[in-house]
Amino acid sequence: MQEVLTAVTYLVVWLICGKIIGIESGLTKLLISLGAAVGVYILMAVKGHKEKEQEKE
Protein backbone atom coordinates (compact mmCIF):
# COMPACT_ATOMS: atom_id res chain seq x y z
CA MET A 1 0.00 0.00 0.00
CA GLN A 2 2.84 2.33 0.86
CA GLU A 3 4.45 1.93 -2.56
CA VAL A 4 1.18 2.49 -4.41
CA LEU A 5 0.54 5.72 -2.50
CA THR A 6 4.08 6.86 -3.31
CA ALA A 7 3.60 6.21 -7.04
CA VAL A 8 0.24 7.98 -7.09
CA THR A 9 1.72 10.95 -5.23
CA TYR A 10 4.52 11.19 -7.79
CA LEU A 11 2.09 11.24 -10.71
CA VAL A 12 -0.35 13.67 -9.11
CA VAL A 13 2.39 16.14 -8.16
CA TRP A 14 3.91 15.85 -11.66
CA LEU A 15 0.54 16.74 -13.21
CA ILE A 16 -0.06 19.57 -10.75
CA CYS A 17 3.34 21.05 -11.55
CA GLY A 18 2.75 20.83 -15.28
CA LYS A 19 -0.91 21.75 -15.66
CA ILE A 20 -1.86 23.92 -12.67
CA ILE A 21 1.36 25.64 -11.65
CA GLY A 22 2.72 25.74 -15.19
CA ILE A 23 6.29 24.57 -14.59
CA GLU A 24 7.80 23.69 -17.96
CA SER A 25 11.20 22.42 -16.84
CA GLY A 26 11.24 18.62 -16.74
CA LEU A 27 14.06 18.56 -14.20
CA THR A 28 12.19 20.86 -11.83
CA LYS A 29 9.02 18.78 -12.09
CA LEU A 30 11.05 15.61 -11.54
CA LEU A 31 12.74 16.95 -8.40
CA ILE A 32 9.52 18.30 -6.90
CA SER A 33 7.59 15.11 -7.69
CA LEU A 34 10.28 12.80 -6.36
CA GLY A 35 10.64 14.93 -3.24
CA ALA A 36 6.92 14.71 -2.56
CA ALA A 37 6.86 10.95 -3.22
CA VAL A 38 9.83 10.29 -0.93
CA GLY A 39 8.27 12.50 1.73
CA VAL A 40 5.03 10.51 1.63
CA TYR A 41 6.99 7.24 1.77
CA ILE A 42 8.93 8.40 4.84
CA LEU A 43 5.80 9.66 6.60
CA MET A 44 4.04 6.34 6.03
CA ALA A 45 7.08 4.41 7.29
CA VAL A 46 7.28 6.50 10.47
CA LYS A 47 3.54 6.08 11.06
CA GLY A 48 3.80 2.30 10.63
CA HIS A 49 6.78 2.12 12.98
CA LYS A 50 4.94 4.06 15.70
CA GLU A 51 1.88 1.83 15.34
CA LYS A 52 4.04 -1.29 15.78
CA GLU A 53 5.64 0.17 18.90
CA GLN A 54 2.23 0.94 20.39
CA GLU A 55 1.05 -2.63 19.72
CA LYS A 56 4.06 -4.03 21.60
CA GLU A 57 3.22 -2.02 24.74
C-alpha atoms as a PDB file:
ATOM      1  CA  MET A   1       0.000   0.000   0.000  1.00  0.00           C
ATOM      2  CA  GLN A   2       2.843   2.328   0.860  1.00  0.00           C
ATOM      3  CA  GLU A   3       4.454   1.927  -2.557  1.00  0.00           C
ATOM      4  CA  VAL A   4       1.184   2.493  -4.407  1.00  0.00           C
ATOM      5  CA  LEU A   5       0.544   5.717  -2.504  1.00  0.00           C
ATOM      6  CA  THR A   6       4.076   6.860  -3.313  1.00  0.00           C
ATOM      7  CA  ALA A   7       3.601   6.211  -7.039  1.00  0.00           C
ATOM      8  CA  VAL A   8       0.241   7.981  -7.085  1.00  0.00           C
ATOM      9  CA  THR A   9       1.725  10.950  -5.226  1.00  0.00           C
ATOM     10  CA  TYR A  10       4.519  11.192  -7.790  1.00  0.00           C
ATOM     11  CA  LEU A  11       2.088  11.237 -10.714  1.00  0.00           C
ATOM     12  CA  VAL A  12      -0.346  13.674  -9.112  1.00  0.00           C
ATOM     13  CA  VAL A  13       2.394  16.139  -8.162  1.00  0.00           C
ATOM     14  CA  TRP A  14       3.911  15.849 -11.658  1.00  0.00           C
ATOM     15  CA  LEU A  15       0.541  16.741 -13.213  1.00  0.00           C
ATOM     16  CA  ILE A  16      -0.062  19.575 -10.749  1.00  0.00           C
ATOM     17  CA  CYS A  17       3.340  21.052 -11.550  1.00  0.00           C
ATOM     18  CA  GLY A  18       2.755  20.825 -15.278  1.00  0.00           C
ATOM     19  CA  LYS A  19      -0.908  21.753 -15.661  1.00  0.00           C
ATOM     20  CA  ILE A  20      -1.865  23.916 -12.670  1.00  0.00           C
ATOM     21  CA  ILE A  21       1.362  25.641 -11.648  1.00  0.00           C
ATOM     22  CA  GLY A  22       2.718  25.737 -15.190  1.00  0.00           C
ATOM     23  CA  ILE A  23       6.285  24.569 -14.591  1.00  0.00           C
ATOM     24  CA  GLU A  24       7.803  23.688 -17.957  1.00  0.00           C
ATOM     25  CA  SER A  25      11.197  22.417 -16.836  1.00  0.00           C
ATOM     26  CA  GLY A  26      11.239  18.625 -16.736  1.00  0.00           C
ATOM     27  CA  LEU A  27      14.059  18.557 -14.199  1.00  0.00           C
ATOM     28  CA  THR A  28      12.188  20.855 -11.827  1.00  0.00           C
ATOM     29  CA  LYS A  29       9.016  18.777 -12.092  1.00  0.00           C
ATOM     30  CA  LEU A  30      11.052  15.614 -11.537  1.00  0.00           C
ATOM     31  CA  LEU A  31      12.739  16.948  -8.403  1.00  0.00           C
ATOM     32  CA  ILE A  32       9.517  18.297  -6.902  1.00  0.00           C
ATOM     33  CA  SER A  33       7.587  15.112  -7.693  1.00  0.00           C
ATOM     34  CA  LEU A  34      10.284  12.802  -6.359  1.00  0.00           C
ATOM     35  CA  GLY A  35      10.642  14.934  -3.241  1.00  0.00           C
ATOM     36  CA  ALA A  36       6.925  14.705  -2.559  1.00  0.00           C
ATOM     37  CA  ALA A  37       6.859  10.954  -3.216  1.00  0.00           C
ATOM     38  CA  VAL A  38       9.829  10.288  -0.931  1.00  0.00           C
ATOM     39  CA  GLY A  39       8.271  12.497   1.727  1.00  0.00           C
ATOM     40  CA  VAL A  40       5.031  10.513   1.633  1.00  0.00           C
ATOM     41  CA  TYR A  41       6.992   7.238   1.768  1.00  0.00           C
ATOM     42  CA  ILE A  42       8.931   8.396   4.835  1.00  0.00           C
ATOM     43  CA  LEU A  43       5.795   9.657   6.600  1.00  0.00           C
ATOM     44  CA  MET A  44       4.037   6.335   6.032  1.00  0.00           C
ATOM     45  CA  ALA A  45       7.084   4.408   7.289  1.00  0.00           C
ATOM     46  CA  VAL A  46       7.275   6.499  10.474  1.00  0.00           C
ATOM     47  CA  LYS A  47       3.542   6.080  11.062  1.00  0.00           C
ATOM     48  CA  GLY A  48       3.799   2.299  10.632  1.00  0.00           C
ATOM     49  CA  HIS A  49       6.777   2.117  12.980  1.00  0.00           C
ATOM     50  CA  LYS A  50       4.945   4.063  15.695  1.00  0.00           C
ATOM     51  CA  GLU A  51       1.879   1.826  15.343  1.00  0.00           C
ATOM     52  CA  LYS A  52       4.039  -1.288  15.777  1.00  0.00           C
ATOM     53  CA  GLU A  53       5.643   0.173  18.901  1.00  0.00           C
ATOM     54  CA  GLN A  54       2.230   0.939  20.391  1.00  0.00           C
ATOM     55  CA  GLU A  55       1.047  -2.629  19.724  1.00  0.00           C
ATOM     56  CA  LYS A  56       4.056  -4.028  21.604  1.00  0.00           C
ATOM     57  CA  GLU A  57       3.215  -2.021  24.736  1.00  0.00           C
END
